[in-house]
PDB file of all heavy atoms in Angstrom:
ATOM      1  N   ASN A   1       0.802  -1.225   0.000  1.00  0.00           N
ATOM      2  CA  ASN A   1       0.000   0.000   0.000  1.00  0.00           C
ATOM      3  C   ASN A   1       0.834   1.273   0.000  1.00  0.00           C
ATOM      4  O   ASN A   1       0.302   2.357  -0.185  1.00  0.00           O
ATOM      5  CB  ASN A   1      -0.923   0.004   1.220  1.00  0.00           C
ATOM      6  CG  ASN A   1      -1.928  -1.126   1.191  1.00  0.00           C
ATOM      7  OD1 ASN A   1      -2.478  -1.442   0.140  1.00  0.00           O
ATOM      8  ND2 ASN A   1      -2.144  -1.746   2.337  1.00  0.00           N
ATOM      9  N   VAL A   2       2.147   1.142   0.246  1.00  0.00           N
ATOM     10  CA  VAL A   2       2.998   2.323   0.348  1.00  0.00           C
ATOM     11  C   VAL A   2       4.170   2.186  -0.602  1.00  0.00           C
ATOM     12  O   VAL A   2       4.953   1.252  -0.521  1.00  0.00           O
ATOM     13  CB  VAL A   2       3.528   2.511   1.789  1.00  0.00           C
ATOM     14  CG1 VAL A   2       4.447   3.733   1.854  1.00  0.00           C
ATOM     15  CG2 VAL A   2       2.366   2.666   2.748  1.00  0.00           C
ATOM     16  N   GLY A   3       4.296   3.109  -1.518  1.00  0.00           N
ATOM     17  CA  GLY A   3       5.435   3.170  -2.426  1.00  0.00           C
ATOM     18  C   GLY A   3       5.961   4.592  -2.464  1.00  0.00           C
ATOM     19  O   GLY A   3       5.222   5.512  -2.783  1.00  0.00           O
ATOM     20  N   PHE A   4       7.212   4.786  -2.114  1.00  0.00           N
ATOM     21  CA  PHE A   4       7.768   6.121  -2.032  1.00  0.00           C
ATOM     22  C   PHE A   4       8.531   6.466  -3.305  1.00  0.00           C
ATOM     23  O   PHE A   4       9.292   5.661  -3.831  1.00  0.00           O
ATOM     24  CB  PHE A   4       8.723   6.238  -0.835  1.00  0.00           C
ATOM     25  CG  PHE A   4       8.050   6.040   0.485  1.00  0.00           C
ATOM     26  CD1 PHE A   4       8.553   5.163   1.411  1.00  0.00           C
ATOM     27  CD2 PHE A   4       6.901   6.750   0.811  1.00  0.00           C
ATOM     28  CE1 PHE A   4       7.950   4.986   2.639  1.00  0.00           C
ATOM     29  CE2 PHE A   4       6.280   6.578   2.031  1.00  0.00           C
ATOM     30  CZ  PHE A   4       6.809   5.694   2.954  1.00  0.00           C
ATOM     31  N   GLY A   5       8.350   7.694  -3.758  1.00  0.00           N
ATOM     32  CA  GLY A   5       9.108   8.204  -4.890  1.00  0.00           C
ATOM     33  C   GLY A   5       9.664   9.568  -4.556  1.00  0.00           C
ATOM     34  O   GLY A   5       9.963   9.876  -3.409  1.00  0.00           O
ATOM     35  N   ASP A   6       9.813  10.407  -5.572  1.00  0.00           N
ATOM     36  CA  ASP A   6      10.307  11.757  -5.340  1.00  0.00           C
ATOM     37  C   ASP A   6       9.281  12.568  -4.551  1.00  0.00           C
ATOM     38  O   ASP A   6       8.105  12.232  -4.491  1.00  0.00           O
ATOM     39  CB  ASP A   6      10.588  12.443  -6.681  1.00  0.00           C
ATOM     40  CG  ASP A   6      11.767  11.814  -7.402  1.00  0.00           C
ATOM     41  OD1 ASP A   6      12.507  11.055  -6.757  1.00  0.00           O
ATOM     42  OD2 ASP A   6      11.936  12.077  -8.608  1.00  0.00           O
ATOM     43  N   GLY A   7       9.736  13.640  -3.963  1.00  0.00           N
ATOM     44  CA  GLY A   7       8.839  14.514  -3.223  1.00  0.00           C
ATOM     45  C   GLY A   7       8.688  14.148  -1.767  1.00  0.00           C
ATOM     46  O   GLY A   7       7.793  14.644  -1.088  1.00  0.00           O
ATOM     47  N   LEU A   8       9.569  13.278  -1.251  1.00  0.00           N
ATOM     48  CA  LEU A   8       9.500  12.876   0.154  1.00  0.00           C
ATOM     49  C   LEU A   8      10.599  13.525   0.989  1.00  0.00           C
ATOM     50  O   LEU A   8      10.637  13.362   2.199  1.00  0.00           O
ATOM     51  CB  LEU A   8       9.618  11.356   0.265  1.00  0.00           C
ATOM     52  CG  LEU A   8       9.460  10.721   1.660  1.00  0.00           C
ATOM     53  CD1 LEU A   8       8.062  10.979   2.219  1.00  0.00           C
ATOM     54  CD2 LEU A   8       9.739   9.235   1.614  1.00  0.00           C
ATOM     55  N   TYR A   9      11.489  14.284   0.363  1.00  0.00           N
ATOM     56  CA  TYR A   9      12.707  14.719   1.051  1.00  0.00           C
ATOM     57  C   TYR A   9      12.855  16.247   1.060  1.00  0.00           C
ATOM     58  O   TYR A   9      13.965  16.763   1.191  1.00  0.00           O
ATOM     59  CB  TYR A   9      13.921  14.104   0.363  1.00  0.00           C
ATOM     60  CG  TYR A   9      13.738  12.653   0.004  1.00  0.00           C
ATOM     61  CD1 TYR A   9      13.342  12.279  -1.277  1.00  0.00           C
ATOM     62  CD2 TYR A   9      13.939  11.659   0.951  1.00  0.00           C
ATOM     63  CE1 TYR A   9      13.163  10.949  -1.612  1.00  0.00           C
ATOM     64  CE2 TYR A   9      13.763  10.323   0.637  1.00  0.00           C
ATOM     65  CZ  TYR A   9      13.369   9.966  -0.660  1.00  0.00           C
ATOM     66  OH  TYR A   9      13.188   8.645  -0.974  1.00  0.00           O
ATOM     67  N   GLU A  10      11.762  16.957   0.951  1.00  0.00           N
ATOM     68  CA  GLU A  10      11.842  18.406   0.808  1.00  0.00           C
ATOM     69  C   GLU A  10      12.163  19.120   2.112  1.00  0.00           C
ATOM     70  O   GLU A  10      12.720  20.217   2.113  1.00  0.00           O
ATOM     71  CB  GLU A  10      10.528  18.933   0.222  1.00  0.00           C
ATOM     72  CG  GLU A  10      10.301  18.479  -1.201  1.00  0.00           C
ATOM     73  CD  GLU A  10       8.921  18.821  -1.717  1.00  0.00           C
ATOM     74  OE1 GLU A  10       7.935  18.230  -1.233  1.00  0.00           O
ATOM     75  OE2 GLU A  10       8.828  19.696  -2.590  1.00  0.00           O
ATOM     76  N   SER A  11      11.817  18.530   3.234  1.00  0.00           N
ATOM     77  CA  SER A  11      12.138  19.122   4.524  1.00  0.00           C
ATOM     78  C   SER A  11      12.756  18.054   5.405  1.00  0.00           C
ATOM     79  O   SER A  11      12.232  16.937   5.493  1.00  0.00           O
ATOM     80  CB  SER A  11      10.884  19.694   5.199  1.00  0.00           C
ATOM     81  OG  SER A  11      11.207  20.333   6.406  1.00  0.00           O
ATOM     82  N   ILE A  12      13.890  18.391   6.042  1.00  0.00           N
ATOM     83  CA  ILE A  12      14.587  17.420   6.886  1.00  0.00           C
ATOM     84  C   ILE A  12      14.861  18.024   8.251  1.00  0.00           C
ATOM     85  O   ILE A  12      14.818  19.240   8.431  1.00  0.00           O
ATOM     86  CB  ILE A  12      15.915  16.964   6.249  1.00  0.00           C
ATOM     87  CG1 ILE A  12      16.919  18.133   6.232  1.00  0.00           C
ATOM     88  CG2 ILE A  12      15.699  16.379   4.875  1.00  0.00           C
ATOM     89  CD1 ILE A  12      18.334  17.700   5.931  1.00  0.00           C
ATOM     90  N   ALA A  13      15.135  17.158   9.224  1.00  0.00           N
ATOM     91  CA  ALA A  13      15.538  17.582  10.561  1.00  0.00           C
ATOM     92  C   ALA A  13      16.480  16.534  11.128  1.00  0.00           C
ATOM     93  O   ALA A  13      16.257  15.331  10.953  1.00  0.00           O
ATOM     94  CB  ALA A  13      14.332  17.756  11.479  1.00  0.00           C
ATOM     95  N   VAL A  14      17.543  16.985  11.780  1.00  0.00           N
ATOM     96  CA  VAL A  14      18.527  16.099  12.392  1.00  0.00           C
ATOM     97  C   VAL A  14      18.256  16.025  13.887  1.00  0.00           C
ATOM     98  O   VAL A  14      18.027  17.055  14.534  1.00  0.00           O
ATOM     99  CB  VAL A  14      19.955  16.601  12.131  1.00  0.00           C
ATOM    100  CG1 VAL A  14      20.985  15.721  12.835  1.00  0.00           C
ATOM    101  CG2 VAL A  14      20.241  16.644  10.629  1.00  0.00           C
ATOM    102  N   SER A  15      18.285  14.816  14.438  1.00  0.00           N
ATOM    103  CA  SER A  15      18.040  14.642  15.866  1.00  0.00           C
ATOM    104  C   SER A  15      19.168  15.252  16.687  1.00  0.00           C
ATOM    105  O   SER A  15      20.279  15.480  16.191  1.00  0.00           O
ATOM    106  CB  SER A  15      17.892  13.157  16.210  1.00  0.00           C
ATOM    107  OG  SER A  15      19.091  12.457  15.929  1.00  0.00           O
ATOM    108  N   ARG A  16      18.889  15.488  17.968  1.00  0.00           N
ATOM    109  CA  ARG A  16      19.858  16.140  18.834  1.00  0.00           C
ATOM    110  C   ARG A  16      21.134  15.326  18.984  1.00  0.00           C
ATOM    111  O   ARG A  16      22.233  15.891  19.094  1.00  0.00           O
ATOM    112  CB  ARG A  16      19.221  16.379  20.214  1.00  0.00           C
ATOM    113  CG  ARG A  16      20.081  17.163  21.181  1.00  0.00           C
ATOM    114  CD  ARG A  16      20.260  18.591  20.733  1.00  0.00           C
ATOM    115  NE  ARG A  16      21.004  19.388  21.710  1.00  0.00           N
ATOM    116  CZ  ARG A  16      21.400  20.644  21.503  1.00  0.00           C
ATOM    117  NH1 ARG A  16      21.117  21.221  20.363  1.00  0.00           N
ATOM    118  NH2 ARG A  16      22.061  21.295  22.431  1.00  0.00           N
ATOM    119  N   ASP A  17      21.025  14.000  18.968  1.00  0.00           N
ATOM    120  CA  ASP A  17      22.216  13.157  19.117  1.00  0.00           C
ATOM    121  C   ASP A  17      22.938  12.942  17.790  1.00  0.00           C
ATOM    122  O   ASP A  17      24.015  12.331  17.753  1.00  0.00           O
ATOM    123  CB  ASP A  17      21.858  11.811  19.741  1.00  0.00           C
ATOM    124  CG  ASP A  17      20.820  11.033  18.919  1.00  0.00           C
ATOM    125  OD1 ASP A  17      20.534  11.422  17.770  1.00  0.00           O
ATOM    126  OD2 ASP A  17      20.282  10.055  19.456  1.00  0.00           O
ATOM    127  N   GLY A  18      22.357  13.424  16.696  1.00  0.00           N
ATOM    128  CA  GLY A  18      22.999  13.325  15.403  1.00  0.00           C
ATOM    129  C   GLY A  18      22.945  11.962  14.760  1.00  0.00           C
ATOM    130  O   GLY A  18      23.549  11.730  13.709  1.00  0.00           O
ATOM    131  N   LEU A  19      22.198  11.028  15.347  1.00  0.00           N
ATOM    132  CA  LEU A  19      22.151   9.662  14.834  1.00  0.00           C
ATOM    133  C   LEU A  19      21.008   9.426  13.862  1.00  0.00           C
ATOM    134  O   LEU A  19      21.014   8.433  13.136  1.00  0.00           O
ATOM    135  CB  LEU A  19      22.051   8.673  15.996  1.00  0.00           C
ATOM    136  CG  LEU A  19      23.214   8.706  16.999  1.00  0.00           C
ATOM    137  CD1 LEU A  19      22.964   7.706  18.118  1.00  0.00           C
ATOM    138  CD2 LEU A  19      24.537   8.419  16.293  1.00  0.00           C
ATOM    139  N   SER A  20      20.024  10.317  13.862  1.00  0.00           N
ATOM    140  CA  SER A  20      18.849  10.125  13.020  1.00  0.00           C
ATOM    141  C   SER A  20      18.556  11.382  12.218  1.00  0.00           C
ATOM    142  O   SER A  20      18.826  12.495  12.675  1.00  0.00           O
ATOM    143  CB  SER A  20      17.622   9.773  13.868  1.00  0.00           C
ATOM    144  OG  SER A  20      17.839   8.614  14.638  1.00  0.00           O
ATOM    145  N   VAL A  21      17.993  11.190  11.050  1.00  0.00           N
ATOM    146  CA  VAL A  21      17.534  12.305  10.238  1.00  0.00           C
ATOM    147  C   VAL A  21      16.129  11.959   9.745  1.00  0.00           C
ATOM    148  O   VAL A  21      15.881  10.849   9.264  1.00  0.00           O
ATOM    149  CB  VAL A  21      18.491  12.593   9.059  1.00  0.00           C
ATOM    150  CG1 VAL A  21      18.703  11.369   8.184  1.00  0.00           C
ATOM    151  CG2 VAL A  21      17.988  13.771   8.217  1.00  0.00           C
ATOM    152  N   ALA A  22      15.204  12.882   9.933  1.00  0.00           N
ATOM    153  CA  ALA A  22      13.808  12.677   9.526  1.00  0.00           C
ATOM    154  C   ALA A  22      13.534  13.465   8.266  1.00  0.00           C
ATOM    155  O   ALA A  22      14.130  14.517   8.024  1.00  0.00           O
ATOM    156  CB  ALA A  22      12.858  13.096  10.638  1.00  0.00           C
ATOM    157  N   SER A  23      12.591  12.965   7.477  1.00  0.00           N
ATOM    158  CA  SER A  23      12.309  13.579   6.187  1.00  0.00           C
ATOM    159  C   SER A  23      10.819  13.550   5.904  1.00  0.00           C
ATOM    160  O   SER A  23      10.128  12.569   6.197  1.00  0.00           O
ATOM    161  CB  SER A  23      13.065  12.819   5.088  1.00  0.00           C
ATOM    162  OG  SER A  23      12.715  13.292   3.808  1.00  0.00           O
ATOM    163  N   VAL A  24      10.315  14.670   5.339  1.00  0.00           N
ATOM    164  CA  VAL A  24       8.927  14.741   4.875  1.00  0.00           C
ATOM    165  C   VAL A  24       8.901  15.509   3.567  1.00  0.00           C
ATOM    166  O   VAL A  24       9.859  16.189   3.201  1.00  0.00           O
ATOM    167  CB  VAL A  24       7.998  15.433   5.901  1.00  0.00           C
ATOM    168  CG1 VAL A  24       7.942  14.670   7.204  1.00  0.00           C
ATOM    169  CG2 VAL A  24       8.425  16.879   6.141  1.00  0.00           C
ATOM    170  N   GLY A  25       7.775  15.417   2.869  1.00  0.00           N
ATOM    171  CA  GLY A  25       7.599  16.151   1.619  1.00  0.00           C
ATOM    172  C   GLY A  25       6.149  16.492   1.401  1.00  0.00           C
ATOM    173  O   GLY A  25       5.257  16.039   2.136  1.00  0.00           O
ATOM    174  N   THR A  26       5.907  17.291   0.388  1.00  0.00           N
ATOM    175  CA  THR A  26       4.552  17.773   0.129  1.00  0.00           C
ATOM    176  C   THR A  26       3.691  16.764  -0.603  1.00  0.00           C
ATOM    177  O   THR A  26       2.499  17.014  -0.805  1.00  0.00           O
ATOM    178  CB  THR A  26       4.613  19.076  -0.682  1.00  0.00           C
ATOM    179  OG1 THR A  26       5.357  18.853  -1.894  1.00  0.00           O
ATOM    180  CG2 THR A  26       5.297  20.177   0.116  1.00  0.00           C
ATOM    181  N   ASP A  27       4.275  15.629  -1.000  1.00  0.00           N
ATOM    182  CA  ASP A  27       3.512  14.641  -1.773  1.00  0.00           C
ATOM    183  C   ASP A  27       2.997  13.467  -0.959  1.00  0.00           C
ATOM    184  O   ASP A  27       2.145  12.717  -1.441  1.00  0.00           O
ATOM    185  CB  ASP A  27       4.376  14.091  -2.924  1.00  0.00           C
ATOM    186  CG  ASP A  27       4.651  15.123  -3.995  1.00  0.00           C
ATOM    187  OD1 ASP A  27       3.995  16.189  -3.964  1.00  0.00           O
ATOM    188  OD2 ASP A  27       5.516  14.886  -4.852  1.00  0.00           O
ATOM    189  N   TYR A  28       3.522  13.277   0.261  1.00  0.00           N
ATOM    190  CA  TYR A  28       3.181  12.094   1.039  1.00  0.00           C
ATOM    191  C   TYR A  28       2.811  12.480   2.466  1.00  0.00           C
ATOM    192  O   TYR A  28       3.448  13.372   3.053  1.00  0.00           O
ATOM    193  CB  TYR A  28       4.362  11.113   1.091  1.00  0.00           C
ATOM    194  CG  TYR A  28       4.781  10.559  -0.237  1.00  0.00           C
ATOM    195  CD1 TYR A  28       5.807  11.158  -0.964  1.00  0.00           C
ATOM    196  CD2 TYR A  28       4.159   9.439  -0.774  1.00  0.00           C
ATOM    197  CE1 TYR A  28       6.205  10.656  -2.188  1.00  0.00           C
ATOM    198  CE2 TYR A  28       4.558   8.916  -1.998  1.00  0.00           C
ATOM    199  CZ  TYR A  28       5.571   9.533  -2.703  1.00  0.00           C
ATOM    200  OH  TYR A  28       5.962   9.029  -3.911  1.00  0.00           O
TER     201      TYR A  28
END
């Protein structure tokens, strides 16, 4: 049910410990 393509990486944030990076986009 979930297939990711372009448009998922337009905004990012790095966690305080620097071990994780989160990503969102206007398409998903």
